[in-house]
PDB file of N, CA and C in Angstrom:
ATOM      1  N   UNK A   1     -68.164 107.275 -62.981  1.00  0.00           N
ATOM      2  CA  UNK A   1     -69.308 106.506 -63.402  1.00  0.00           C
ATOM      3  C   UNK A   1     -70.540 107.375 -63.253  1.00  0.00           C
ATOM      4  N   UNK A   2     -71.411 107.326 -64.214  1.00  0.00           N
ATOM      5  CA  UNK A   2     -72.604 108.137 -64.251  1.00  0.00           C
ATOM      6  C   UNK A   2     -73.820 107.226 -64.222  1.00  0.00           C
ATOM      7  N   UNK A   3     -74.728 107.595 -63.311  1.00  0.00           N
ATOM      8  CA  UNK A   3     -75.969 106.827 -63.242  1.00  0.00           C
ATOM      9  C   UNK A   3     -76.945 107.516 -64.155  1.00  0.00           C
ATOM     10  N   UNK A   4     -77.430 106.779 -65.118  1.00  0.00           N
ATOM     11  CA  UNK A   4     -78.265 107.406 -66.134  1.00  0.00           C
ATOM     12  C   UNK A   4     -79.741 107.408 -65.779  1.00  0.00           C
ATOM     13  N   UNK A   5     -80.197 106.395 -65.050  1.00  0.00           N
ATOM     14  CA  UNK A   5     -81.631 106.323 -64.781  1.00  0.00           C
ATOM     15  C   UNK A   5     -81.861 106.259 -63.272  1.00  0.00           C
ATOM     16  N   UNK A   6     -82.473 107.298 -62.763  1.00  0.00           N
ATOM     17  CA  UNK A   6     -82.797 107.353 -61.335  1.00  0.00           C
ATOM     18  C   UNK A   6     -84.311 107.436 -61.221  1.00  0.00           C
ATOM     19  N   UNK A   7     -84.842 106.605 -60.390  1.00  0.00           N
ATOM     20  CA  UNK A   7     -86.284 106.587 -60.171  1.00  0.00           C
ATOM     21  C   UNK A   7     -86.728 107.938 -59.617  1.00  0.00           C
ATOM     22  N   UNK A   8     -87.774 108.521 -60.195  1.00  0.00           N
ATOM     23  CA  UNK A   8     -88.253 109.839 -59.783  1.00  0.00           C
ATOM     24  C   UNK A   8     -88.668 109.863 -58.314  1.00  0.00           C
ATOM     25  N   UNK A   9     -89.299 108.828 -57.819  1.00  0.00           N
ATOM     26  CA  UNK A   9     -89.744 108.777 -56.423  1.00  0.00           C
ATOM     27  C   UNK A   9     -88.550 108.796 -55.477  1.00  0.00           C
ATOM     28  N   UNK A  10     -87.494 108.050 -55.839  1.00  0.00           N
ATOM     29  CA  UNK A  10     -86.288 108.023 -55.013  1.00  0.00           C
ATOM     30  C   UNK A  10     -85.642 109.394 -54.990  1.00  0.00           C
ATOM     31  N   UNK A  11     -85.560 110.044 -56.124  1.00  0.00           N
ATOM     32  CA  UNK A  11     -84.973 111.372 -56.217  1.00  0.00           C
ATOM     33  C   UNK A  11     -85.772 112.365 -55.377  1.00  0.00           C
ATOM     34  N   UNK A  12     -87.086 112.279 -55.420  1.00  0.00           N
ATOM     35  CA  UNK A  12     -87.929 113.168 -54.637  1.00  0.00           C
ATOM     36  C   UNK A  12     -87.717 112.947 -53.139  1.00  0.00           C
ATOM     37  N   UNK A  13     -87.592 111.685 -52.726  1.00  0.00           N
ATOM     38  CA  UNK A  13     -87.357 111.397 -51.322  1.00  0.00           C
ATOM     39  C   UNK A  13     -86.023 111.962 -50.863  1.00  0.00           C
ATOM     40  N   UNK A  14     -84.993 111.839 -51.685  1.00  0.00           N
ATOM     41  CA  UNK A  14     -83.671 112.369 -51.337  1.00  0.00           C
ATOM     42  C   UNK A  14     -83.731 113.887 -51.216  1.00  0.00           C
ATOM     43  N   UNK A  15     -84.397 114.529 -52.155  1.00  0.00           N
ATOM     44  CA  UNK A  15     -84.505 115.987 -52.108  1.00  0.00           C
ATOM     45  C   UNK A  15     -85.294 116.446 -50.875  1.00  0.00           C
ATOM     46  N   UNK A  16     -86.352 115.724 -50.555  1.00  0.00           N
ATOM     47  CA  UNK A  16     -87.139 116.072 -49.373  1.00  0.00           C
ATOM     48  C   UNK A  16     -86.298 115.909 -48.113  1.00  0.00           C
ATOM     49  N   UNK A  17     -85.503 114.855 -48.043  1.00  0.00           N
ATOM     50  CA  UNK A  17     -84.629 114.630 -46.894  1.00  0.00           C
ATOM     51  C   UNK A  17     -83.629 115.769 -46.760  1.00  0.00           C
ATOM     52  N   UNK A  18     -83.057 116.188 -47.863  1.00  0.00           N
ATOM     53  CA  UNK A  18     -82.083 117.270 -47.825  1.00  0.00           C
ATOM     54  C   UNK A  18     -82.726 118.580 -47.359  1.00  0.00           C
ATOM     55  N   UNK A  19     -83.941 118.844 -47.819  1.00  0.00           N
ATOM     56  CA  UNK A  19     -84.639 120.052 -47.386  1.00  0.00           C
ATOM     57  C   UNK A  19     -84.924 120.006 -45.888  1.00  0.00           C
ATOM     58  N   UNK A  20     -85.387 118.868 -45.420  1.00  0.00           N
ATOM     59  CA  UNK A  20     -85.686 118.708 -44.006  1.00  0.00           C
ATOM     60  C   UNK A  20     -84.423 118.849 -43.181  1.00  0.00           C
ATOM     61  N   UNK A  21     -83.338 118.284 -43.652  1.00  0.00           N
ATOM     62  CA  UNK A  21     -82.061 118.351 -42.948  1.00  0.00           C
ATOM     63  C   UNK A  21     -81.601 119.798 -42.825  1.00  0.00           C
ATOM     64  N   UNK A  22     -81.797 120.595 -43.864  1.00  0.00           N
ATOM     65  CA  UNK A  22     -81.401 121.998 -43.825  1.00  0.00           C
ATOM     66  C   UNK A  22     -82.245 122.776 -42.823  1.00  0.00           C
ATOM     67  N   UNK A  23     -83.536 122.485 -42.763  1.00  0.00           N
ATOM     68  CA  UNK A  23     -84.423 123.169 -41.823  1.00  0.00           C
ATOM     69  C   UNK A  23     -84.017 122.827 -40.395  1.00  0.00           C
ATOM     70  N   UNK A  24     -83.691 121.557 -40.140  1.00  0.00           N
ATOM     71  CA  UNK A  24     -83.269 121.149 -38.808  1.00  0.00           C
ATOM     72  C   UNK A  24     -81.947 121.794 -38.423  1.00  0.00           C
ATOM     73  N   UNK A  25     -81.066 122.013 -39.390  1.00  0.00           N
ATOM     74  CA  UNK A  25     -79.795 122.665 -39.105  1.00  0.00           C
ATOM     75  C   UNK A  25     -80.014 124.104 -38.666  1.00  0.00           C
ATOM     76  N   UNK A  26     -81.049 124.754 -39.177  1.00  0.00           N
ATOM     77  CA  UNK A  26     -81.312 126.146 -38.832  1.00  0.00           C
ATOM     78  C   UNK A  26     -82.095 126.284 -37.527  1.00  0.00           C
ATOM     79  N   UNK A  27     -82.681 125.220 -37.037  1.00  0.00           N
ATOM     80  CA  UNK A  27     -83.496 125.274 -35.833  1.00  0.00           C
ATOM     81  C   UNK A  27     -82.730 125.796 -34.621  1.00  0.00           C
ATOM     82  N   UNK A  28     -81.480 125.389 -34.358  1.00  0.00           N
ATOM     83  CA  UNK A  28     -80.774 125.939 -33.200  1.00  0.00           C
ATOM     84  C   UNK A  28     -80.572 127.451 -33.293  1.00  0.00           C
ATOM     85  N   UNK A  29     -80.410 127.970 -34.497  1.00  0.00           N
ATOM     86  CA  UNK A  29     -80.256 129.415 -34.649  1.00  0.00           C
ATOM     87  C   UNK A  29     -81.523 130.131 -34.209  1.00  0.00           C
ATOM     88  N   UNK A  30     -82.674 129.590 -34.588  1.00  0.00           N
ATOM     89  CA  UNK A  30     -83.944 130.188 -34.206  1.00  0.00           C
ATOM     90  C   UNK A  30     -84.145 130.075 -32.707  1.00  0.00           C
ATOM     91  N   UNK A  31     -83.769 128.940 -32.139  1.00  0.00           N
ATOM     92  CA  UNK A  31     -83.924 128.747 -30.697  1.00  0.00           C
ATOM     93  C   UNK A  31     -83.051 129.732 -29.934  1.00  0.00           C
ATOM     94  N   UNK A  32     -81.855 129.985 -30.426  1.00  0.00           N
ATOM     95  CA  UNK A  32     -80.957 130.919 -29.759  1.00  0.00           C
ATOM     96  C   UNK A  32     -81.525 132.330 -29.796  1.00  0.00           C
ATOM     97  N   UNK A  33     -82.097 132.724 -30.916  1.00  0.00           N
ATOM     98  CA  UNK A  33     -82.676 134.065 -30.997  1.00  0.00           C
ATOM     99  C   UNK A  33     -83.953 134.158 -30.171  1.00  0.00           C
ATOM    100  N   UNK A  34     -84.687 133.067 -30.068  1.00  0.00           N
ATOM    101  CA  UNK A  34     -85.909 133.069 -29.274  1.00  0.00           C
ATOM    102  C   UNK A  34     -85.600 133.121 -27.779  1.00  0.00           C
ATOM    103  N   UNK A  35     -84.442 132.592 -27.373  1.00  0.00           N
ATOM    104  CA  UNK A  35     -84.100 132.605 -25.957  1.00  0.00           C
ATOM    105  C   UNK A  35     -83.766 134.007 -25.476  1.00  0.00           C
ATOM    106  N   UNK A  36     -83.464 134.912 -26.376  1.00  0.00           N
ATOM    107  CA  UNK A  36     -83.182 136.288 -25.995  1.00  0.00           C
ATOM    108  C   UNK A  36     -84.450 137.046 -25.640  1.00  0.00           C
ATOM    109  N   UNK A  37     -85.587 136.534 -26.071  1.00  0.00           N
ATOM    110  CA  UNK A  37     -86.852 137.176 -25.766  1.00  0.00           C
ATOM    111  C   UNK A  37     -87.239 136.875 -24.323  1.00  0.00           C
ATOM    112  N   UNK A  38     -87.786 137.852 -23.644  1.00  0.00           N
ATOM    113  CA  UNK A  38     -88.234 137.659 -22.273  1.00  0.00           C
ATOM    114  C   UNK A  38     -89.730 137.367 -22.311  1.00  0.00           C
ATOM    115  N   UNK A  39     -90.120 136.172 -21.842  1.00  0.00           N
ATOM    116  CA  UNK A  39     -91.542 135.840 -21.882  1.00  0.00           C
ATOM    117  C   UNK A  39     -92.307 136.670 -20.849  1.00  0.00           C
ATOM    118  N   UNK A  40     -93.499 137.027 -21.193  1.00  0.00           N
ATOM    119  CA  UNK A  40     -94.345 137.793 -20.286  1.00  0.00           C
ATOM    120  C   UNK A  40     -95.221 136.832 -19.516  1.00  0.00           C
ATOM    121  N   UNK A  41     -95.130 136.875 -18.203  1.00  0.00           N
ATOM    122  CA  UNK A  41     -95.943 135.995 -17.380  1.00  0.00           C
ATOM    123  C   UNK A  41     -97.182 136.750 -16.949  1.00  0.00           C
ATOM    124  N   UNK A  42     -98.316 136.091 -17.117  1.00  0.00           N
ATOM    125  CA  UNK A  42     -99.569 136.741 -16.805  1.00  0.00           C
ATOM    126  C   UNK A  42    -100.526 135.696 -16.239  1.00  0.00           C
ATOM    127  N   UNK A  43    -101.186 136.032 -15.156  1.00  0.00           N
ATOM    128  CA  UNK A  43    -102.158 135.140 -14.550  1.00  0.00           C
ATOM    129  C   UNK A  43    -103.499 135.835 -14.570  1.00  0.00           C
ATOM    130  N   UNK A  44    -104.497 135.118 -15.024  1.00  0.00           N
ATOM    131  CA  UNK A  44    -105.840 135.661 -15.106  1.00  0.00           C
ATOM    132  C   UNK A  44    -106.765 134.746 -14.312  1.00  0.00           C
ATOM    133  N   UNK A  45    -107.242 135.201 -13.157  1.00  0.00           N
ATOM    134  CA  UNK A  45    -108.115 134.387 -12.326  1.00  0.00           C
ATOM    135  C   UNK A  45    -109.561 134.787 -12.548  1.00  0.00           C
ATOM    136  N   UNK A  46    -110.413 133.791 -12.609  1.00  0.00           N
ATOM    137  CA  UNK A  46    -111.838 134.073 -12.746  1.00  0.00           C
ATOM    138  C   UNK A  46    -112.375 134.547 -11.400  1.00  0.00           C
ATOM    139  N   UNK A  47    -113.558 135.099 -11.406  1.00  0.00           N
ATOM    140  CA  UNK A  47    -114.149 135.553 -10.147  1.00  0.00           C
ATOM    141  C   UNK A  47    -114.418 134.370  -9.223  1.00  0.00           C
ATOM    142  N   UNK A  48    -114.730 133.224  -9.797  1.00  0.00           N
ATOM    143  CA  UNK A  48    -114.949 132.028  -8.973  1.00  0.00           C
ATOM    144  C   UNK A  48    -113.666 131.631  -8.266  1.00  0.00           C
ATOM    145  N   UNK A  49    -112.553 131.652  -8.967  1.00  0.00           N
ATOM    146  CA  UNK A  49    -111.269 131.301  -8.362  1.00  0.00           C
ATOM    147  C   UNK A  49    -110.916 132.293  -7.263  1.00  0.00           C
ATOM    148  N   UNK A  50    -111.206 133.565  -7.475  1.00  0.00           N
ATOM    149  CA  UNK A  50    -110.937 134.572  -6.443  1.00  0.00           C
ATOM    150  C   UNK A  50    -111.816 134.327  -5.223  1.00  0.00           C
ATOM    151  N   UNK A  51    -113.084 133.987  -5.446  1.00  0.00           N
ATOM    152  CA  UNK A  51    -113.986 133.697  -4.332  1.00  0.00           C
ATOM    153  C   UNK A  51    -113.507 132.488  -3.540  1.00  0.00           C
ATOM    154  N   UNK A  52    -113.073 131.462  -4.248  1.00  0.00           N
ATOM    155  CA  UNK A  52    -112.569 130.254  -3.582  1.00  0.00           C
ATOM    156  C   UNK A  52    -111.331 130.599  -2.758  1.00  0.00           C
ATOM    157  N   UNK A  53    -110.447 131.405  -3.309  1.00  0.00           N
ATOM    158  CA  UNK A  53    -109.243 131.797  -2.579  1.00  0.00           C
ATOM    159  C   UNK A  53    -109.604 132.598  -1.329  1.00  0.00           C
ATOM    160  N   UNK A  54    -110.574 133.515  -1.449  1.00  0.00           N
ATOM    161  CA  UNK A  54    -111.007 134.298  -0.283  1.00  0.00           C
ATOM    162  C   UNK A  54    -111.615 133.396   0.787  1.00  0.00           C
ATOM    163  N   UNK A  55    -112.398 132.405   0.364  1.00  0.00           N
ATOM    164  CA  UNK A  55    -112.991 131.467   1.322  1.00  0.00           C
ATOM    165  C   UNK A  55    -111.924 130.621   2.009  1.00  0.00           C
ATOM    166  N   UNK A  56    -110.929 130.181   1.257  1.00  0.00           N
ATOM    167  CA  UNK A  56    -109.834 129.404   1.853  1.00  0.00           C
ATOM    168  C   UNK A  56    -109.101 130.230   2.899  1.00  0.00           C
ATOM    169  N   UNK A  57    -108.864 131.491   2.590  1.00  0.00           N
ATOM    170  CA  UNK A  57    -108.186 132.365   3.550  1.00  0.00           C
ATOM    171  C   UNK A  57    -109.029 132.544   4.814  1.00  0.00           C
ATOM    172  N   UNK A  58    -110.344 132.722   4.633  1.00  0.00           N
ATOM    173  CA  UNK A  58    -111.223 132.897   5.781  1.00  0.00           C
ATOM    174  C   UNK A  58    -111.271 131.635   6.637  1.00  0.00           C
ATOM    175  N   UNK A  59    -111.330 130.485   5.994  1.00  0.00           N
ATOM    176  CA  UNK A  59    -111.383 129.210   6.724  1.00  0.00           C
ATOM    177  C   UNK A  59    -110.084 128.964   7.477  1.00  0.00           C
ATOM    178  N   UNK A  60    -108.969 129.323   6.870  1.00  0.00           N
ATOM    179  CA  UNK A  60    -107.680 129.083   7.529  1.00  0.00           C
ATOM    180  C   UNK A  60    -107.538 129.910   8.807  1.00  0.00           C
ATOM    181  N   UNK A  61    -108.305 130.998   8.925  1.00  0.00           N
ATOM    182  CA  UNK A  61    -108.251 131.832  10.122  1.00  0.00           C
ATOM    183  C   UNK A  61    -109.127 131.291  11.253  1.00  0.00           C
ATOM    184  N   UNK A  62    -110.043 130.364  10.923  1.00  0.00           N
ATOM    185  CA  UNK A  62    -110.923 129.800  11.938  1.00  0.00           C
ATOM    186  C   UNK A  62    -110.165 128.787  12.793  1.00  0.00           C
ATOM    187  N   UNK A  63    -110.531 128.664  14.064  1.00  0.00           N
ATOM    188  CA  UNK A  63    -109.859 127.678  14.923  1.00  0.00           C
ATOM    189  C   UNK A  63    -110.270 126.257  14.524  1.00  0.00           C
ATOM    190  N   UNK A  64    -109.370 125.305  14.777  1.00  0.00           N
ATOM    191  CA  UNK A  64    -109.657 123.910  14.461  1.00  0.00           C
ATOM    192  C   UNK A  64    -110.704 123.326  15.413  1.00  0.00           C
ATOM    193  N   UNK A  65    -110.716 123.804  16.635  1.00  0.00           N
ATOM    194  CA  UNK A  65    -111.636 123.295  17.651  1.00  0.00           C
ATOM    195  C   UNK A  65    -112.526 124.446  18.114  1.00  0.00           C
ATOM    196  N   UNK A  66    -113.833 124.202  18.106  1.00  0.00           N
ATOM    197  CA  UNK A  66    -114.767 125.217  18.601  1.00  0.00           C
ATOM    198  C   UNK A  66    -114.934 125.000  20.110  1.00  0.00           C
ATOM    199  N   UNK A  67    -114.158 125.739  20.862  1.00  0.00           N
ATOM    200  CA  UNK A  67    -114.081 125.550  22.311  1.00  0.00           C
ATOM    201  C   UNK A  67    -115.437 125.693  22.996  1.00  0.00           C
ATOM    202  N   UNK A  68    -116.260 126.658  22.532  1.00  0.00           N
ATOM    203  CA  UNK A  68    -117.569 126.860  23.178  1.00  0.00           C
ATOM    204  C   UNK A  68    -118.472 125.643  22.981  1.00  0.00           C
ATOM    205  N   UNK A  69    -118.389 125.009  21.820  1.00  0.00           N
ATOM    206  CA  UNK A  69    -119.191 123.816  21.533  1.00  0.00           C
ATOM    207  C   UNK A  69    -118.706 122.641  22.395  1.00  0.00           C
ATOM    208  N   UNK A  70    -117.387 122.501  22.494  1.00  0.00           N
ATOM    209  CA  UNK A  70    -116.809 121.426  23.310  1.00  0.00           C
ATOM    210  C   UNK A  70    -117.215 121.600  24.769  1.00  0.00           C
ATOM    211  N   UNK A  71    -117.131 122.821  25.273  1.00  0.00           N
ATOM    212  CA  UNK A  71    -117.489 123.084  26.672  1.00  0.00           C
ATOM    213  C   UNK A  71    -118.960 122.811  26.931  1.00  0.00           C
ATOM    214  N   UNK A  72    -119.823 123.197  25.976  1.00  0.00           N
ATOM    215  CA  UNK A  72    -121.258 122.948  26.142  1.00  0.00           C
ATOM    216  C   UNK A  72    -121.539 121.449  26.204  1.00  0.00           C
ATOM    217  N   UNK A  73    -120.888 120.662  25.370  1.00  0.00           N
ATOM    218  CA  UNK A  73    -121.083 119.203  25.400  1.00  0.00           C
ATOM    219  C   UNK A  73    -120.549 118.601  26.693  1.00  0.00           C
ATOM    220  N   UNK A  74    -119.400 119.075  27.162  1.00  0.00           N
ATOM    221  CA  UNK A  74    -118.857 118.585  28.434  1.00  0.00           C
ATOM    222  C   UNK A  74    -119.823 118.864  29.573  1.00  0.00           C
ATOM    223  N   UNK A  75    -120.403 120.066  29.588  1.00  0.00           N
ATOM    224  CA  UNK A  75    -121.363 120.424  30.638  1.00  0.00           C
ATOM    225  C   UNK A  75    -122.579 119.511  30.594  1.00  0.00           C
ATOM    226  N   UNK A  76    -123.099 119.229  29.403  1.00  0.00           N
ATOM    227  CA  UNK A  76    -124.259 118.345  29.272  1.00  0.00           C
ATOM    228  C   UNK A  76    -123.932 116.939  29.769  1.00  0.00           C
ATOM    229  N   UNK A  77    -122.728 116.457  29.420  1.00  0.00           N
ATOM    230  CA  UNK A  77    -122.332 115.104  29.853  1.00  0.00           C
ATOM    231  C   UNK A  77    -122.216 115.053  31.369  1.00  0.00           C
ATOM    232  N   UNK A  78    -121.595 116.084  31.982  1.00  0.00           N
ATOM    233  CA  UNK A  78    -121.427 116.116  33.441  1.00  0.00           C
ATOM    234  C   UNK A  78    -122.780 116.178  34.156  1.00  0.00           C
ATOM    235  N   UNK A  79    -123.725 116.913  33.609  1.00  0.00           N
ATOM    236  CA  UNK A  79    -125.045 117.050  34.232  1.00  0.00           C
ATOM    237  C   UNK A  79    -125.946 115.860  33.935  1.00  0.00           C
ATOM    238  N   UNK A  80    -125.557 115.034  32.933  1.00  0.00           N
ATOM    239  CA  UNK A  80    -126.375 113.881  32.577  1.00  0.00           C
ATOM    240  C   UNK A  80    -127.519 114.235  31.645  1.00  0.00           C
ATOM    241  N   UNK A  81    -127.440 115.396  31.000  1.00  0.00           N
ATOM    242  CA  UNK A  81    -128.517 115.825  30.106  1.00  0.00           C
ATOM    243  C   UNK A  81    -128.194 115.568  28.634  1.00  0.00           C
ATOM    244  N   UNK A  82    -127.011 115.064  28.366  1.00  0.00           N
ATOM    245  CA  UNK A  82    -126.628 114.807  26.964  1.00  0.00           C
ATOM    246  C   UNK A  82    -127.310 113.535  26.498  1.00  0.00           C
ATOM    247  N   UNK A  83    -128.029 113.627  25.412  1.00  0.00           N
ATOM    248  CA  UNK A  83    -128.732 112.473  24.847  1.00  0.00           C
ATOM    249  C   UNK A  83    -128.310 112.285  23.391  1.00  0.00           C
ATOM    250  N   UNK A  84    -128.092 111.046  23.042  1.00  0.00           N
ATOM    251  CA  UNK A  84    -127.724 110.698  21.671  1.00  0.00           C
ATOM    252  C   UNK A  84    -129.006 110.330  20.934  1.00  0.00           C
ATOM    253  N   UNK A  85    -129.204 110.951  19.783  1.00  0.00           N
ATOM    254  CA  UNK A  85    -130.374 110.640  18.957  1.00  0.00           C
ATOM    255  C   UNK A  85    -130.002 109.457  18.055  1.00  0.00           C
ATOM    256  N   UNK A  86    -130.524 108.290  18.384  1.00  0.00           N
ATOM    257  CA  UNK A  86    -130.177 107.062  17.666  1.00  0.00           C
ATOM    258  C   UNK A  86    -130.576 107.131  16.199  1.00  0.00           C
ATOM    259  N   UNK A  87    -131.677 107.785  15.893  1.00  0.00           N
ATOM    260  CA  UNK A  87    -132.130 107.901  14.501  1.00  0.00           C
ATOM    261  C   UNK A  87    -131.122 108.700  13.665  1.00  0.00           C
ATOM    262  N   UNK A  88    -130.626 109.782  14.241  1.00  0.00           N
ATOM    263  CA  UNK A  88    -129.636 110.593  13.514  1.00  0.00           C
ATOM    264  C   UNK A  88    -128.350 109.815  13.278  1.00  0.00           C
ATOM    265  N   UNK A  89    -127.918 109.058  14.302  1.00  0.00           N
ATOM    266  CA  UNK A  89    -126.704 108.252  14.161  1.00  0.00           C
ATOM    267  C   UNK A  89    -126.888 107.205  13.075  1.00  0.00           C
ATOM    268  N   UNK A  90    -128.039 106.539  13.077  1.00  0.00           N
ATOM    269  CA  UNK A  90    -128.313 105.507  12.073  1.00  0.00           C
ATOM    270  C   UNK A  90    -128.370 106.107  10.674  1.00  0.00           C
ATOM    271  N   UNK A  91    -129.020 107.274  10.548  1.00  0.00           N
ATOM    272  CA  UNK A  91    -129.091 107.936   9.233  1.00  0.00           C
ATOM    273  C   UNK A  91    -127.699 108.269   8.706  1.00  0.00           C
ATOM    274  N   UNK A  92    -126.844 108.775   9.573  1.00  0.00           N
ATOM    275  CA  UNK A  92    -125.471 109.113   9.151  1.00  0.00           C
ATOM    276  C   UNK A  92    -124.704 107.862   8.732  1.00  0.00           C
ATOM    277  N   UNK A  93    -124.863 106.788   9.495  1.00  0.00           N
ATOM    278  CA  UNK A  93    -124.145 105.545   9.178  1.00  0.00           C
ATOM    279  C   UNK A  93    -124.592 104.992   7.825  1.00  0.00           C
ATOM    280  N   UNK A  94    -125.892 104.992   7.586  1.00  0.00           N
ATOM    281  CA  UNK A  94    -126.422 104.486   6.317  1.00  0.00           C
ATOM    282  C   UNK A  94    -125.977 105.391   5.170  1.00  0.00           C
ATOM    283  N   UNK A  95    -126.046 106.700   5.382  1.00  0.00           N
ATOM    284  CA  UNK A  95    -125.641 107.645   4.349  1.00  0.00           C
ATOM    285  C   UNK A  95    -124.173 107.487   3.967  1.00  0.00           C
ATOM    286  N   UNK A  96    -123.312 107.340   4.976  1.00  0.00           N
ATOM    287  CA  UNK A  96    -121.886 107.169   4.694  1.00  0.00           C
ATOM    288  C   UNK A  96    -121.605 105.832   4.021  1.00  0.00           C
ATOM    289  N   UNK A  97    -122.358 104.797   4.395  1.00  0.00           N
ATOM    290  CA  UNK A  97    -122.188 103.497   3.748  1.00  0.00           C
ATOM    291  C   UNK A  97    -122.560 103.563   2.276  1.00  0.00           C
ATOM    292  N   UNK A  98    -123.628 104.290   1.975  1.00  0.00           N
ATOM    293  CA  UNK A  98    -124.041 104.437   0.579  1.00  0.00           C
ATOM    294  C   UNK A  98    -122.982 105.211  -0.222  1.00  0.00           C
ATOM    295  N   UNK A  99    -122.438 106.242   0.392  1.00  0.00           N
ATOM    296  CA  UNK A  99    -121.397 107.013  -0.299  1.00  0.00           C
ATOM    297  C   UNK A  99    -120.189 106.133  -0.568  1.00  0.00           C
ATOM    298  N   UNK A 100    -119.816 105.301   0.402  1.00  0.00           N
ATOM    299  CA  UNK A 100    -118.674 104.403   0.221  1.00  0.00           C
ATOM    300  C   UNK A 100    -118.947 103.398  -0.914  1.00  0.00           C
ATOM    301  N   UNK A 101    -120.164 102.913  -0.982  1.00  0.00           N
ATOM    302  CA  UNK A 101    -120.510 101.941  -2.031  1.00  0.00           C
ATOM    303  C   UNK A 101    -120.512 102.571  -3.417  1.00  0.00           C
ATOM    304  N   UNK A 102    -120.963 103.814  -3.496  1.00  0.00           N
ATOM    305  CA  UNK A 102    -121.064 104.482  -4.795  1.00  0.00           C
ATOM    306  C   UNK A 102    -119.740 105.027  -5.287  1.00  0.00           C
ATOM    307  N   UNK A 103    -118.792 105.214  -4.404  1.00  0.00           N
ATOM    308  CA  UNK A 103    -117.511 105.776  -4.843  1.00  0.00           C
ATOM    309  C   UNK A 103    -116.496 104.730  -5.170  1.00  0.00           C
TER     310      UNK A 103
END
């Protein structure tokens, strides 16, 4: 049996599908040849990133507790000369509250 009249749009869609199908069939071949290539790994750091890394390294070498500061405060407390500045404490509390509200 012979089909005499085929809609041109339908024929075009079938041909496009066949072309696409052929391209997809060849894709694994290209992937296989591409896998033989060795990718070159390269890292490029900006000067800012290098500075940040240097600062992180320097900070990591610092002690977590500043013993001389702790000892000085202990001495002041023992002698009764340590005084808390209420204004500074209030300023810090208000400042931190504002930061909490804005974030």
